[in-house]
Each structure stands twice: as structure tokens, then as C-alpha cells.
Protein backbone atom coordinates (compact mmCIF):
# COMPACT_ATOMS: atom_id res chain seq x y z
CA MET A 1 6.22 -25.70 -79.29
CA ILE A 2 6.89 -23.07 -76.29
CA TRP A 3 7.93 -24.72 -72.67
CA GLN A 4 7.43 -22.86 -69.01
CA LEU A 5 7.59 -23.68 -65.89
CA GLY A 6 4.51 -24.95 -64.18
CA GLU A 7 2.85 -21.85 -62.40
CA LEU A 8 3.37 -23.63 -58.94
CA THR A 9 6.64 -24.47 -59.71
CA ARG A 10 9.86 -23.14 -57.43
CA LEU A 11 12.96 -24.99 -57.56
CA SER A 12 15.96 -25.52 -55.28
CA TRP A 13 18.70 -27.29 -56.82
CA ARG A 14 21.63 -29.20 -55.15
CA ASN A 15 24.84 -30.60 -57.44
CA PHE A 16 26.47 -34.21 -57.13
CA GLY A 17 28.71 -34.31 -60.01
CA THR A 18 27.00 -35.27 -63.40
CA GLU A 19 23.79 -35.10 -61.25
CA TRP A 20 21.30 -32.59 -59.50
CA LEU A 21 19.10 -33.13 -56.51
CA LEU A 22 15.91 -31.18 -56.96
CA PHE A 23 13.33 -29.74 -54.78
CA ASP A 24 9.67 -28.35 -55.96
CA GLN A 25 8.81 -26.37 -53.18
CA GLY A 26 5.24 -26.86 -55.15
CA THR A 27 4.80 -29.78 -55.25
CA GLY A 28 6.87 -31.46 -52.66
CA GLN A 29 9.03 -33.48 -55.21
CA THR A 30 12.52 -34.56 -55.13
CA LEU A 31 13.97 -35.86 -58.04
CA LEU A 32 17.34 -37.08 -58.87
CA LEU A 33 18.22 -35.94 -62.60
CA ASP A 34 20.59 -36.20 -64.98
CA SER A 35 22.62 -33.36 -66.34
CA LEU A 36 20.44 -32.85 -69.67
CA SER A 37 17.15 -33.08 -67.72
CA ALA A 38 18.54 -30.46 -65.41
CA ALA A 39 20.02 -28.45 -67.65
CA ALA A 40 16.87 -28.11 -70.05
CA LEU A 41 14.47 -27.20 -66.81
CA MET A 42 17.41 -24.41 -65.47
CA ALA A 43 16.97 -23.08 -69.11
CA LEU A 44 13.28 -22.60 -68.72
CA GLU A 45 13.70 -20.93 -65.02
CA THR A 46 14.76 -17.56 -66.91
CA GLY A 47 11.18 -17.98 -68.93
CA PRO A 48 9.18 -19.37 -71.07
CA LEU A 49 11.26 -21.07 -74.23
CA SER A 50 11.15 -23.44 -77.52
CA GLY A 51 12.38 -26.42 -78.14
CA ALA A 52 15.55 -24.94 -80.56
CA GLU A 53 15.87 -23.00 -77.82
CA ILE A 54 16.22 -25.27 -74.76
CA GLU A 55 18.30 -27.16 -77.26
CA GLN A 56 20.33 -24.39 -77.61
CA GLN A 57 20.98 -23.24 -74.19
CA VAL A 58 21.10 -27.00 -72.94
CA ALA A 59 24.04 -27.33 -75.45
CA SER A 60 25.82 -24.00 -74.81
CA ASP A 61 25.77 -25.04 -70.59
CA LEU A 62 26.69 -28.69 -71.40
CA ASP A 63 29.32 -27.93 -74.26
CA LEU A 64 27.81 -30.26 -76.67
CA PRO A 65 29.54 -30.46 -79.88
CA ALA A 66 26.44 -32.07 -81.60
CA PRO A 67 23.00 -30.61 -79.73
CA ALA A 68 21.26 -32.43 -82.40
CA GLU A 69 22.50 -35.94 -81.18
CA HIS A 70 20.57 -35.13 -78.17
CA ARG A 71 17.34 -34.14 -79.12
CA ALA A 72 15.51 -37.31 -78.38
CA VAL A 73 16.90 -37.58 -75.41
CA LEU A 74 16.31 -33.77 -74.58
CA SER A 75 12.51 -34.63 -75.72
CA GLU A 76 11.93 -37.29 -73.69
CA SER A 77 12.83 -35.48 -70.66
CA LEU A 78 10.90 -32.71 -71.29
CA ARG A 79 7.84 -34.91 -71.66
CA PHE A 80 8.71 -36.56 -68.23
CA LEU A 81 9.03 -33.25 -66.67
CA ALA A 82 5.59 -32.29 -67.89
CA GLU A 83 3.84 -35.09 -66.46
CA LEU A 84 5.47 -33.84 -62.98
CA ASN A 85 3.72 -31.10 -63.68
CA LEU A 86 7.57 -29.14 -63.19
CA ILE A 87 6.74 -27.86 -66.74
CA GLY A 88 3.82 -27.14 -69.22
CA SER A 89 3.85 -26.24 -73.40
CA ARG A 90 1.72 -24.56 -74.97
CA THR A 91 1.87 -24.04 -79.42
CA CYS A 92 3.13 -21.22 -80.86
CA ALA A 93 0.39 -18.65 -81.69
């Protein structure tokens, strides 16, 4: 599965320690995200990525020693962001 930002997603960020305030100009939504969800969304700002690529990027950005331990939380974060139409997915062709 390949994940990417929604077509209208335009993000502005502000950091508050371990939390991130996000404003999406495309939808008008404001969210408070944890570091893991924010890092995943920031990774997608560079372009479409597979779940494994997002996991690797998040692990690198957050210096996680065992990224596989966070896979379930990351998957849930991606589903949540998709429900808000901030990101979308497609299957690999």
C-alpha cells in the first residue's frame, strides 16, 4: 500500500515539545498530534511512501531503537489521518 497526502492538503506546523499543532489549509482542520503521527505526516510531505518507508523514516526522525514495536500505533495513526482526509492510500501496481 502506498500512502500520500490528500490532493487538497496544505499543512502548517507548530511544535510544543512532544506534541504538534497542525493546521490544514485545505480542509480548515486544526489537530493536536503526538510525535509519531506528526512524523508520519511530515514524511508524506516529501511524496508518496509505502508503509515500510514511512516506518523507516519515522524511526529515523524520532531515533526509535526498535521501529517494529511501533508498527501497530503507526498503522492506527495512518488510518486516523486517512479518516480525516489528510492522506489517502492506493495499492501498489
